[in-house]
C-alpha cells in the first residue's frame, strides 16, 4: 500500500518555459475561445484562463473544451504557475454549461465521446497541481458550475446564478464532484449568497458596475497564496485530495509521504531560517 502511494505522490516535474496564448476573441468563427494570461509584478505567479465565447455565453462546445484541455496540459508543466484562476471575458456569465445547440447536431456516439471529453476536462482541472480558483461573476449553470466545483476555491458575485440544471433539460450532470442531491433533483438555481450559505463557494462579494467583483476578490485570494512555499502548497493539495476518500490510516500515510517529500527542499530550510531570524521567508519553489 505504502509503495503504491509513494509511486503515485511525486514532486512536480522540473520547470520548462511556457509559451502562452494571448489572443483575445471577439466571438468570430475561428478565433480562440480562451486566453491564457501570465500576470507580472506583484501578481507574478498568478496565471489566468479567460473564457471568451460571447456568442454562446461561454457554453462548453468542442472548441472551447479542446482549448481548455490544451492550456491545462501546458500549464501543469510550468512550475512558475503558483495559482491558476478561471474567469470569464463575457459580462454577466461565467459559463452557461454544455453547448446544447452543438450537441443537437451530434450523433449518439458523438455525444458519448463529447461527454467523456467533458468529464476528462473536469478531472484535469481537479488534478491540476497548483491551487485553482473560479471567479464567478455571472451565470454558472450545469457544466459551468461543475467546472467551478472542480476548482479548489470559488468566489461568486452577489449577481451570480448557479445550478445543476441538467434535469430540467432531460439530461444528467456528467462530470465534476458530487453536489447535494436536492440541487440535482430539483434543478434549483442559487444566488451567490445562497451558494455561500450551502458551502458551494468560499466567498461572496457584492457585484460592481464593471461586473467583475468576483474576479477582483479571487485575485486578492490568489495573492494571499503567492507568498507561501509553493512545493508545500502543492503537496498539501495532494494530501487533502488523496486523503479525503480513504480511511484515516491511509490518509495519515499519504500525509507522511507528502511531508517526507517536503523535508529536503530548499524552501523548508528557508522557512526555518526566516523563523529563526525573525524575517519574512523568500521561497523559490525548490
C-alpha atoms as a PDB file:
ATOM      1  CA  UNK A   1       0.000   0.000   0.000  1.00  0.00           C
ATOM      2  CA  UNK A   2       2.714   2.487   1.013  1.00  0.00           C
ATOM      3  CA  UNK A   3       4.823   1.567  -2.023  1.00  0.00           C
ATOM      4  CA  UNK A   4       1.873   2.276  -4.284  1.00  0.00           C
ATOM      5  CA  UNK A   5       1.210   5.584  -2.581  1.00  0.00           C
ATOM      6  CA  UNK A   6       4.866   6.587  -2.802  1.00  0.00           C
ATOM      7  CA  UNK A   7       4.863   5.895  -6.515  1.00  0.00           C
ATOM      8  CA  UNK A   8       1.740   7.970  -7.021  1.00  0.00           C
ATOM      9  CA  UNK A   9       2.801  11.002  -4.989  1.00  0.00           C
ATOM     10  CA  UNK A  10       5.633  12.524  -6.954  1.00  0.00           C
ATOM     11  CA  UNK A  11       7.015  16.038  -6.802  1.00  0.00           C
ATOM     12  CA  UNK A  12       6.155  18.139  -9.875  1.00  0.00           C
ATOM     13  CA  UNK A  13       8.489  17.799 -12.822  1.00  0.00           C
ATOM     14  CA  UNK A  14      11.192  20.442 -13.432  1.00  0.00           C
ATOM     15  CA  UNK A  15      10.069  23.768 -14.838  1.00  0.00           C
ATOM     16  CA  UNK A  16      10.040  24.326 -18.566  1.00  0.00           C
ATOM     17  CA  UNK A  17       9.226  27.712 -20.181  1.00  0.00           C
ATOM     18  CA  UNK A  18       5.601  28.146 -21.225  1.00  0.00           C
ATOM     19  CA  UNK A  19       4.600  29.775 -24.475  1.00  0.00           C
ATOM     20  CA  UNK A  20       1.284  31.392 -23.596  1.00  0.00           C
ATOM     21  CA  UNK A  21      -1.590  32.147 -25.920  1.00  0.00           C
ATOM     22  CA  UNK A  22      -2.501  35.819 -25.735  1.00  0.00           C
ATOM     23  CA  UNK A  23      -5.096  36.294 -28.466  1.00  0.00           C
ATOM     24  CA  UNK A  24      -8.373  37.872 -27.405  1.00  0.00           C
ATOM     25  CA  UNK A  25     -11.523  36.591 -29.059  1.00  0.00           C
ATOM     26  CA  UNK A  26     -14.323  38.768 -30.376  1.00  0.00           C
ATOM     27  CA  UNK A  27     -16.618  35.812 -30.900  1.00  0.00           C
ATOM     28  CA  UNK A  28     -15.959  35.448 -34.636  1.00  0.00           C
ATOM     29  CA  UNK A  29     -15.687  31.959 -36.071  1.00  0.00           C
ATOM     30  CA  UNK A  30     -12.154  30.585 -35.877  1.00  0.00           C
ATOM     31  CA  UNK A  31     -10.967  32.927 -33.120  1.00  0.00           C
ATOM     32  CA  UNK A  32      -9.542  31.422 -29.913  1.00  0.00           C
ATOM     33  CA  UNK A  33     -12.208  30.952 -27.264  1.00  0.00           C
ATOM     34  CA  UNK A  34      -9.818  31.242 -24.318  1.00  0.00           C
ATOM     35  CA  UNK A  35      -6.915  33.485 -23.429  1.00  0.00           C
ATOM     36  CA  UNK A  36      -4.083  32.487 -21.108  1.00  0.00           C
ATOM     37  CA  UNK A  37      -2.634  35.413 -19.183  1.00  0.00           C
ATOM     38  CA  UNK A  38       0.543  35.259 -17.122  1.00  0.00           C
ATOM     39  CA  UNK A  39       0.446  38.131 -14.631  1.00  0.00           C
ATOM     40  CA  UNK A  40       3.535  40.095 -13.631  1.00  0.00           C
ATOM     41  CA  UNK A  41       4.698  42.449 -10.908  1.00  0.00           C
ATOM     42  CA  UNK A  42       3.090  41.810  -7.512  1.00  0.00           C
ATOM     43  CA  UNK A  43       0.845  39.219  -9.214  1.00  0.00           C
ATOM     44  CA  UNK A  44       3.745  37.188 -10.581  1.00  0.00           C
ATOM     45  CA  UNK A  45       2.866  33.528 -10.082  1.00  0.00           C
ATOM     46  CA  UNK A  46      -0.829  34.003 -10.943  1.00  0.00           C
ATOM     47  CA  UNK A  47      -1.965  32.671 -14.315  1.00  0.00           C
ATOM     48  CA  UNK A  48      -5.462  33.300 -15.634  1.00  0.00           C
ATOM     49  CA  UNK A  49      -7.555  31.342 -18.088  1.00  0.00           C
ATOM     50  CA  UNK A  50     -10.062  33.775 -19.581  1.00  0.00           C
ATOM     51  CA  UNK A  51     -13.058  32.120 -21.258  1.00  0.00           C
ATOM     52  CA  UNK A  52     -14.288  34.354 -24.062  1.00  0.00           C
ATOM     53  CA  UNK A  53     -17.049  32.909 -26.221  1.00  0.00           C
ATOM     54  CA  UNK A  54     -19.647  35.689 -26.096  1.00  0.00           C
ATOM     55  CA  UNK A  55     -21.830  34.347 -28.897  1.00  0.00           C
ATOM     56  CA  UNK A  56     -22.639  31.263 -26.800  1.00  0.00           C
ATOM     57  CA  UNK A  57     -22.257  32.650 -23.267  1.00  0.00           C
ATOM     58  CA  UNK A  58     -19.083  30.571 -22.815  1.00  0.00           C
ATOM     59  CA  UNK A  59     -21.001  27.353 -23.445  1.00  0.00           C
ATOM     60  CA  UNK A  60     -18.747  24.300 -23.427  1.00  0.00           C
ATOM     61  CA  UNK A  61     -18.510  23.222 -27.054  1.00  0.00           C
ATOM     62  CA  UNK A  62     -15.861  21.122 -28.765  1.00  0.00           C
ATOM     63  CA  UNK A  63     -13.537  24.038 -29.485  1.00  0.00           C
ATOM     64  CA  UNK A  64     -13.708  25.557 -26.004  1.00  0.00           C
ATOM     65  CA  UNK A  65     -13.187  22.169 -24.341  1.00  0.00           C
ATOM     66  CA  UNK A  66     -10.227  21.410 -26.637  1.00  0.00           C
ATOM     67  CA  UNK A  67      -8.598  24.764 -25.927  1.00  0.00           C
ATOM     68  CA  UNK A  68      -9.069  24.351 -22.177  1.00  0.00           C
ATOM     69  CA  UNK A  69      -7.531  20.863 -22.253  1.00  0.00           C
ATOM     70  CA  UNK A  70      -4.605  22.106 -24.321  1.00  0.00           C
ATOM     71  CA  UNK A  71      -3.962  25.027 -21.979  1.00  0.00           C
ATOM     72  CA  UNK A  72      -4.122  22.825 -18.885  1.00  0.00           C
ATOM     73  CA  UNK A  73      -1.689  20.324 -20.398  1.00  0.00           C
ATOM     74  CA  UNK A  74       0.855  23.102 -20.989  1.00  0.00           C
ATOM     75  CA  UNK A  75       0.318  24.950 -17.731  1.00  0.00           C
ATOM     76  CA  UNK A  76       0.645  21.905 -15.493  1.00  0.00           C
ATOM     77  CA  UNK A  77       4.283  21.603 -16.619  1.00  0.00           C
ATOM     78  CA  UNK A  78       5.150  25.160 -15.583  1.00  0.00           C
ATOM     79  CA  UNK A  79       6.406  25.434 -12.012  1.00  0.00           C
ATOM     80  CA  UNK A  80       6.080  29.220 -12.224  1.00  0.00           C
ATOM     81  CA  UNK A  81       2.286  28.802 -12.027  1.00  0.00           C
ATOM     82  CA  UNK A  82       1.554  29.119  -8.320  1.00  0.00           C
ATOM     83  CA  UNK A  83      -2.175  29.825  -8.697  1.00  0.00           C
ATOM     84  CA  UNK A  84      -4.454  29.207 -11.701  1.00  0.00           C
ATOM     85  CA  UNK A  85      -7.518  31.442 -11.907  1.00  0.00           C
ATOM     86  CA  UNK A  86     -10.526  30.756 -14.157  1.00  0.00           C
ATOM     87  CA  UNK A  87     -12.567  33.791 -15.170  1.00  0.00           C
ATOM     88  CA  UNK A  88     -14.893  34.994 -17.913  1.00  0.00           C
ATOM     89  CA  UNK A  89     -14.429  37.689 -20.516  1.00  0.00           C
ATOM     90  CA  UNK A  90     -18.186  37.776 -21.108  1.00  0.00           C
ATOM     91  CA  UNK A  91     -20.025  40.133 -18.775  1.00  0.00           C
ATOM     92  CA  UNK A  92     -22.809  38.571 -16.735  1.00  0.00           C
ATOM     93  CA  UNK A  93     -21.804  34.953 -17.306  1.00  0.00           C
ATOM     94  CA  UNK A  94     -19.120  32.576 -16.069  1.00  0.00           C
ATOM     95  CA  UNK A  95     -20.094  29.553 -18.144  1.00  0.00           C
ATOM     96  CA  UNK A  96     -23.570  28.610 -19.349  1.00  0.00           C
ATOM     97  CA  UNK A  97     -22.840  24.879 -19.355  1.00  0.00           C
ATOM     98  CA  UNK A  98     -22.677  22.465 -22.266  1.00  0.00           C
ATOM     99  CA  UNK A  99     -23.414  23.785 -25.752  1.00  0.00           C
ATOM    100  CA  UNK A 100     -26.805  22.143 -26.355  1.00  0.00           C
ATOM    101  CA  UNK A 101     -27.173  23.653 -29.829  1.00  0.00           C
ATOM    102  CA  UNK A 102     -23.932  21.982 -30.860  1.00  0.00           C
ATOM    103  CA  UNK A 103     -24.972  18.759 -29.161  1.00  0.00           C
ATOM    104  CA  UNK A 104     -28.220  18.656 -31.150  1.00  0.00           C
ATOM    105  CA  UNK A 105     -26.128  18.165 -34.278  1.00  0.00           C
ATOM    106  CA  UNK A 106     -24.226  15.192 -32.822  1.00  0.00           C
ATOM    107  CA  UNK A 107     -24.999  11.521 -33.215  1.00  0.00           C
ATOM    108  CA  UNK A 108     -25.449   9.406 -30.087  1.00  0.00           C
ATOM    109  CA  UNK A 109     -21.898   8.113 -30.466  1.00  0.00           C
ATOM    110  CA  UNK A 110     -20.533  11.636 -30.804  1.00  0.00           C
ATOM    111  CA  UNK A 111     -22.458  12.748 -27.713  1.00  0.00           C
ATOM    112  CA  UNK A 112     -20.891   9.906 -25.739  1.00  0.00           C
ATOM    113  CA  UNK A 113     -17.405  10.904 -26.867  1.00  0.00           C
ATOM    114  CA  UNK A 114     -18.023  14.566 -26.049  1.00  0.00           C
ATOM    115  CA  UNK A 115     -19.345  13.759 -22.560  1.00  0.00           C
ATOM    116  CA  UNK A 116     -16.217  11.701 -21.902  1.00  0.00           C
ATOM    117  CA  UNK A 117     -14.044  14.633 -23.002  1.00  0.00           C
ATOM    118  CA  UNK A 118     -16.042  16.965 -20.766  1.00  0.00           C
ATOM    119  CA  UNK A 119     -15.557  14.608 -17.834  1.00  0.00           C
ATOM    120  CA  UNK A 120     -11.865  14.491 -18.679  1.00  0.00           C
ATOM    121  CA  UNK A 121     -11.725  18.293 -18.568  1.00  0.00           C
ATOM    122  CA  UNK A 122     -13.202  18.373 -15.080  1.00  0.00           C
ATOM    123  CA  UNK A 123     -10.732  15.719 -13.948  1.00  0.00           C
ATOM    124  CA  UNK A 124      -7.811  17.698 -15.375  1.00  0.00           C
ATOM    125  CA  UNK A 125      -8.911  20.831 -13.532  1.00  0.00           C
ATOM    126  CA  UNK A 126      -9.367  18.913 -10.270  1.00  0.00           C
ATOM    127  CA  UNK A 127      -5.949  17.258 -10.671  1.00  0.00           C
ATOM    128  CA  UNK A 128      -4.092  20.453 -11.581  1.00  0.00           C
ATOM    129  CA  UNK A 129      -1.007  20.532  -9.315  1.00  0.00           C
ATOM    130  CA  UNK A 130      -1.287  24.184  -8.215  1.00  0.00           C
ATOM    131  CA  UNK A 131      -4.288  25.722  -6.429  1.00  0.00           C
ATOM    132  CA  UNK A 132      -7.152  26.691  -8.757  1.00  0.00           C
ATOM    133  CA  UNK A 133      -9.755  29.413  -8.209  1.00  0.00           C
ATOM    134  CA  UNK A 134     -13.016  30.040 -10.089  1.00  0.00           C
ATOM    135  CA  UNK A 135     -14.209  33.662 -10.264  1.00  0.00           C
ATOM    136  CA  UNK A 136     -17.953  33.540 -10.928  1.00  0.00           C
ATOM    137  CA  UNK A 137     -19.261  36.962 -11.900  1.00  0.00           C
ATOM    138  CA  UNK A 138     -22.428  35.686 -13.538  1.00  0.00           C
ATOM    139  CA  UNK A 139     -24.335  32.577 -14.581  1.00  0.00           C
ATOM    140  CA  UNK A 140     -22.634  29.245 -13.820  1.00  0.00           C
ATOM    141  CA  UNK A 141     -25.095  26.575 -14.868  1.00  0.00           C
ATOM    142  CA  UNK A 142     -24.834  22.844 -15.474  1.00  0.00           C
ATOM    143  CA  UNK A 143     -21.346  22.071 -16.742  1.00  0.00           C
ATOM    144  CA  UNK A 144     -20.342  25.659 -15.960  1.00  0.00           C
ATOM    145  CA  UNK A 145     -20.981  25.088 -12.261  1.00  0.00           C
ATOM    146  CA  UNK A 146     -19.294  21.689 -12.482  1.00  0.00           C
ATOM    147  CA  UNK A 147     -16.208  23.412 -13.901  1.00  0.00           C
ATOM    148  CA  UNK A 148     -16.205  25.776 -10.919  1.00  0.00           C
ATOM    149  CA  UNK A 149     -16.723  22.879  -8.498  1.00  0.00           C
ATOM    150  CA  UNK A 150     -13.683  21.141  -9.990  1.00  0.00           C
ATOM    151  CA  UNK A 151     -11.580  24.109  -8.806  1.00  0.00           C
ATOM    152  CA  UNK A 152     -10.115  24.173  -5.312  1.00  0.00           C
ATOM    153  CA  UNK A 153     -11.661  27.527  -4.371  1.00  0.00           C
ATOM    154  CA  UNK A 154     -14.655  29.501  -5.629  1.00  0.00           C
ATOM    155  CA  UNK A 155     -15.587  33.178  -5.380  1.00  0.00           C
ATOM    156  CA  UNK A 156     -19.017  34.395  -6.501  1.00  0.00           C
ATOM    157  CA  UNK A 157     -20.508  37.823  -7.021  1.00  0.00           C
ATOM    158  CA  UNK A 158     -23.905  38.528  -5.493  1.00  0.00           C
ATOM    159  CA  UNK A 159     -25.311  38.603  -9.024  1.00  0.00           C
ATOM    160  CA  UNK A 160     -24.051  35.112  -9.864  1.00  0.00           C
ATOM    161  CA  UNK A 161     -26.640  32.407 -10.522  1.00  0.00           C
ATOM    162  CA  UNK A 162     -25.645  28.781 -10.024  1.00  0.00           C
ATOM    163  CA  UNK A 163     -27.394  25.494 -10.592  1.00  0.00           C
ATOM    164  CA  UNK A 164     -27.073  21.941 -11.823  1.00  0.00           C
ATOM    165  CA  UNK A 165     -29.960  22.327 -14.235  1.00  0.00           C
ATOM    166  CA  UNK A 166     -29.369  19.257 -16.414  1.00  0.00           C
ATOM    167  CA  UNK A 167     -32.512  17.524 -15.147  1.00  0.00           C
ATOM    168  CA  UNK A 168     -34.601  20.462 -16.370  1.00  0.00           C
ATOM    169  CA  UNK A 169     -33.285  19.665 -19.874  1.00  0.00           C
ATOM    170  CA  UNK A 170     -33.805  15.915 -19.608  1.00  0.00           C
ATOM    171  CA  UNK A 171     -30.079  15.361 -19.026  1.00  0.00           C
ATOM    172  CA  UNK A 172     -27.832  14.295 -16.162  1.00  0.00           C
ATOM    173  CA  UNK A 173     -24.828  16.038 -14.628  1.00  0.00           C
ATOM    174  CA  UNK A 174     -21.956  14.300 -16.371  1.00  0.00           C
ATOM    175  CA  UNK A 175     -18.749  15.497 -14.676  1.00  0.00           C
ATOM    176  CA  UNK A 176     -17.330  17.151 -11.599  1.00  0.00           C
ATOM    177  CA  UNK A 177     -17.789  16.383  -7.896  1.00  0.00           C
ATOM    178  CA  UNK A 178     -20.991  15.290  -6.201  1.00  0.00           C
ATOM    179  CA  UNK A 179     -23.358  18.028  -5.107  1.00  0.00           C
ATOM    180  CA  UNK A 180     -26.351  17.808  -2.803  1.00  0.00           C
ATOM    181  CA  UNK A 181     -28.978  15.540  -4.365  1.00  0.00           C
ATOM    182  CA  UNK A 182     -31.610  18.188  -3.750  1.00  0.00           C
ATOM    183  CA  UNK A 183     -29.928  20.549  -6.206  1.00  0.00           C
ATOM    184  CA  UNK A 184     -29.645  17.861  -8.862  1.00  0.00           C
ATOM    185  CA  UNK A 185     -33.168  16.532  -8.403  1.00  0.00           C
ATOM    186  CA  UNK A 186     -34.803  19.955  -8.417  1.00  0.00           C
ATOM    187  CA  UNK A 187     -32.547  21.845 -10.821  1.00  0.00           C
ATOM    188  CA  UNK A 188     -32.832  24.785  -8.434  1.00  0.00           C
ATOM    189  CA  UNK A 189     -30.834  27.933  -9.129  1.00  0.00           C
ATOM    190  CA  UNK A 190     -28.924  29.643  -6.330  1.00  0.00           C
ATOM    191  CA  UNK A 191     -27.673  33.181  -5.832  1.00  0.00           C
ATOM    192  CA  UNK A 192     -24.127  33.863  -4.737  1.00  0.00           C
ATOM    193  CA  UNK A 193     -25.227  34.381  -1.136  1.00  0.00           C
ATOM    194  CA  UNK A 194     -27.261  31.161  -1.111  1.00  0.00           C
ATOM    195  CA  UNK A 195     -24.328  29.255  -2.575  1.00  0.00           C
ATOM    196  CA  UNK A 196     -22.042  30.514   0.183  1.00  0.00           C
ATOM    197  CA  UNK A 197     -24.578  29.557   2.845  1.00  0.00           C
ATOM    198  CA  UNK A 198     -24.572  25.997   1.432  1.00  0.00           C
ATOM    199  CA  UNK A 199     -20.791  25.897   1.264  1.00  0.00           C
ATOM    200  CA  UNK A 200     -20.612  25.831  -2.540  1.00  0.00           C
ATOM    201  CA  UNK A 201     -18.389  28.909  -2.658  1.00  0.00           C
ATOM    202  CA  UNK A 202     -15.709  30.247  -0.331  1.00  0.00           C
ATOM    203  CA  UNK A 203     -16.568  33.938  -0.673  1.00  0.00           C
ATOM    204  CA  UNK A 204     -19.418  36.084  -1.978  1.00  0.00           C
ATOM    205  CA  UNK A 205     -18.970  39.773  -2.802  1.00  0.00           C
ATOM    206  CA  UNK A 206     -21.386  42.492  -3.945  1.00  0.00           C
ATOM    207  CA  UNK A 207     -21.251  42.956  -7.699  1.00  0.00           C
ATOM    208  CA  UNK A 208     -19.746  46.205  -9.012  1.00  0.00           C
ATOM    209  CA  UNK A 209     -20.636  48.322 -12.052  1.00  0.00           C
ATOM    210  CA  UNK A 210     -17.921  46.690 -14.153  1.00  0.00           C
ATOM    211  CA  UNK A 211     -19.329  43.245 -13.412  1.00  0.00           C
ATOM    212  CA  UNK A 212     -16.010  41.793 -12.209  1.00  0.00           C
ATOM    213  CA  UNK A 213     -16.198  41.928  -8.400  1.00  0.00           C
ATOM    214  CA  UNK A 214     -15.706  38.178  -8.016  1.00  0.00           C
ATOM    215  CA  UNK A 215     -12.613  38.338 -10.202  1.00  0.00           C
ATOM    216  CA  UNK A 216     -11.054  41.037  -8.025  1.00  0.00           C
ATOM    217  CA  UNK A 217     -11.796  39.053  -4.842  1.00  0.00           C
ATOM    218  CA  UNK A 218     -10.440  35.872  -6.439  1.00  0.00           C
ATOM    219  CA  UNK A 219      -7.275  37.715  -7.450  1.00  0.00           C
ATOM    220  CA  UNK A 220      -6.869  39.002  -3.885  1.00  0.00           C
ATOM    221  CA  UNK A 221      -7.280  35.432  -2.644  1.00  0.00           C
ATOM    222  CA  UNK A 222      -4.617  34.278  -5.094  1.00  0.00           C
ATOM    223  CA  UNK A 223      -2.294  36.997  -3.783  1.00  0.00           C
ATOM    224  CA  UNK A 224      -2.635  35.503  -0.304  1.00  0.00           C
ATOM    225  CA  UNK A 225      -1.384  32.173  -1.642  1.00  0.00           C
ATOM    226  CA  UNK A 226       1.615  33.598  -3.541  1.00  0.00           C
ATOM    227  CA  UNK A 227       3.926  34.205  -0.523  1.00  0.00           C
ATOM    228  CA  UNK A 228       3.555  30.617   0.697  1.00  0.00           C
ATOM    229  CA  UNK A 229       6.084  27.890  -0.116  1.00  0.00           C
ATOM    230  CA  UNK A 230       4.875  26.572  -3.496  1.00  0.00           C
ATOM    231  CA  UNK A 231       6.067  22.978  -3.076  1.00  0.00           C
ATOM    232  CA  UNK A 232       4.465  22.751   0.365  1.00  0.00           C
ATOM    233  CA  UNK A 233       1.221  24.182  -1.059  1.00  0.00           C
ATOM    234  CA  UNK A 234       1.181  21.644  -3.897  1.00  0.00           C
ATOM    235  CA  UNK A 235       1.956  18.757  -1.564  1.00  0.00           C
ATOM    236  CA  UNK A 236      -0.733  19.982   0.821  1.00  0.00           C
ATOM    237  CA  UNK A 237      -3.208  19.839  -2.047  1.00  0.00           C
ATOM    238  CA  UNK A 238      -2.122  16.280  -2.847  1.00  0.00           C
ATOM    239  CA  UNK A 239      -2.500  15.217   0.790  1.00  0.00           C
ATOM    240  CA  UNK A 240      -6.000  16.672   1.035  1.00  0.00           C
ATOM    241  CA  UNK A 241      -7.251  15.408  -2.336  1.00  0.00           C
ATOM    242  CA  UNK A 242      -5.812  11.898  -1.972  1.00  0.00           C
ATOM    243  CA  UNK A 243      -6.654  11.610   1.705  1.00  0.00           C
ATOM    244  CA  UNK A 244     -10.323  12.554   1.512  1.00  0.00           C
ATOM    245  CA  UNK A 245     -11.567   9.272   0.053  1.00  0.00           C
ATOM    246  CA  UNK A 246      -9.530   6.766   2.072  1.00  0.00           C
ATOM    247  CA  UNK A 247      -9.580   5.514   5.644  1.00  0.00           C
ATOM    248  CA  UNK A 248      -7.764   7.526   8.303  1.00  0.00           C
ATOM    249  CA  UNK A 249      -4.715   5.235   8.384  1.00  0.00           C
ATOM    250  CA  UNK A 250      -4.212   5.566   4.628  1.00  0.00           C
ATOM    251  CA  UNK A 251      -4.820   9.298   4.876  1.00  0.00           C
ATOM    252  CA  UNK A 252      -2.131   9.629   7.537  1.00  0.00           C
ATOM    253  CA  UNK A 253       0.231   7.572   5.353  1.00  0.00           C
ATOM    254  CA  UNK A 254      -0.377   9.927   2.428  1.00  0.00           C
ATOM    255  CA  UNK A 255       0.281  12.925   4.662  1.00  0.00           C
ATOM    256  CA  UNK A 256       3.518  11.329   5.866  1.00  0.00           C
ATOM    257  CA  UNK A 257       4.711  10.674   2.304  1.00  0.00           C
ATOM    258  CA  UNK A 258       3.986  14.272   1.321  1.00  0.00           C
ATOM    259  CA  UNK A 259       5.776  15.575   4.401  1.00  0.00           C
ATOM    260  CA  UNK A 260       8.805  13.422   3.638  1.00  0.00           C
ATOM    261  CA  UNK A 261       8.992  14.845   0.109  1.00  0.00           C
ATOM    262  CA  UNK A 262       8.998  18.371   1.516  1.00  0.00           C
ATOM    263  CA  UNK A 263      11.848  17.780   4.006  1.00  0.00           C
ATOM    264  CA  UNK A 264      14.773  18.012   1.527  1.00  0.00           C
ATOM    265  CA  UNK A 265      13.513  21.201  -0.173  1.00  0.00           C
ATOM    266  CA  UNK A 266      15.382  24.491  -0.003  1.00  0.00           C
ATOM    267  CA  UNK A 267      12.111  26.212   0.882  1.00  0.00           C
ATOM    268  CA  UNK A 268      11.733  24.221   4.107  1.00  0.00           C
ATOM    269  CA  UNK A 269      15.220  25.268   5.206  1.00  0.00           C
ATOM    270  CA  UNK A 270      14.468  28.866   4.202  1.00  0.00           C
ATOM    271  CA  UNK A 271      11.270  28.824   6.245  1.00  0.00           C
ATOM    272  CA  UNK A 272      13.130  27.598   9.327  1.00  0.00           C
ATOM    273  CA  UNK A 273      15.881  30.178   8.833  1.00  0.00           C
ATOM    274  CA  UNK A 274      13.356  33.001   8.373  1.00  0.00           C
ATOM    275  CA  UNK A 275      11.582  31.985  11.579  1.00  0.00           C
ATOM    276  CA  UNK A 276      14.857  31.885  13.478  1.00  0.00           C
ATOM    277  CA  UNK A 277      15.992  35.253  12.095  1.00  0.00           C
ATOM    278  CA  UNK A 278      12.547  36.855  12.529  1.00  0.00           C
ATOM    279  CA  UNK A 279      12.206  37.902   8.876  1.00  0.00           C
ATOM    280  CA  UNK A 280       9.784  37.095   6.035  1.00  0.00           C
ATOM    281  CA  UNK A 281      10.778  33.945   4.127  1.00  0.00           C
ATOM    282  CA  UNK A 282      11.851  34.112   0.482  1.00  0.00           C
ATOM    283  CA  UNK A 283      10.578  30.936  -1.124  1.00  0.00           C
ATOM    284  CA  UNK A 284      11.853  29.945  -4.570  1.00  0.00           C
ATOM    285  CA  UNK A 285       9.973  26.700  -5.218  1.00  0.00           C
ATOM    286  CA  UNK A 286      12.964  24.377  -4.847  1.00  0.00           C
END
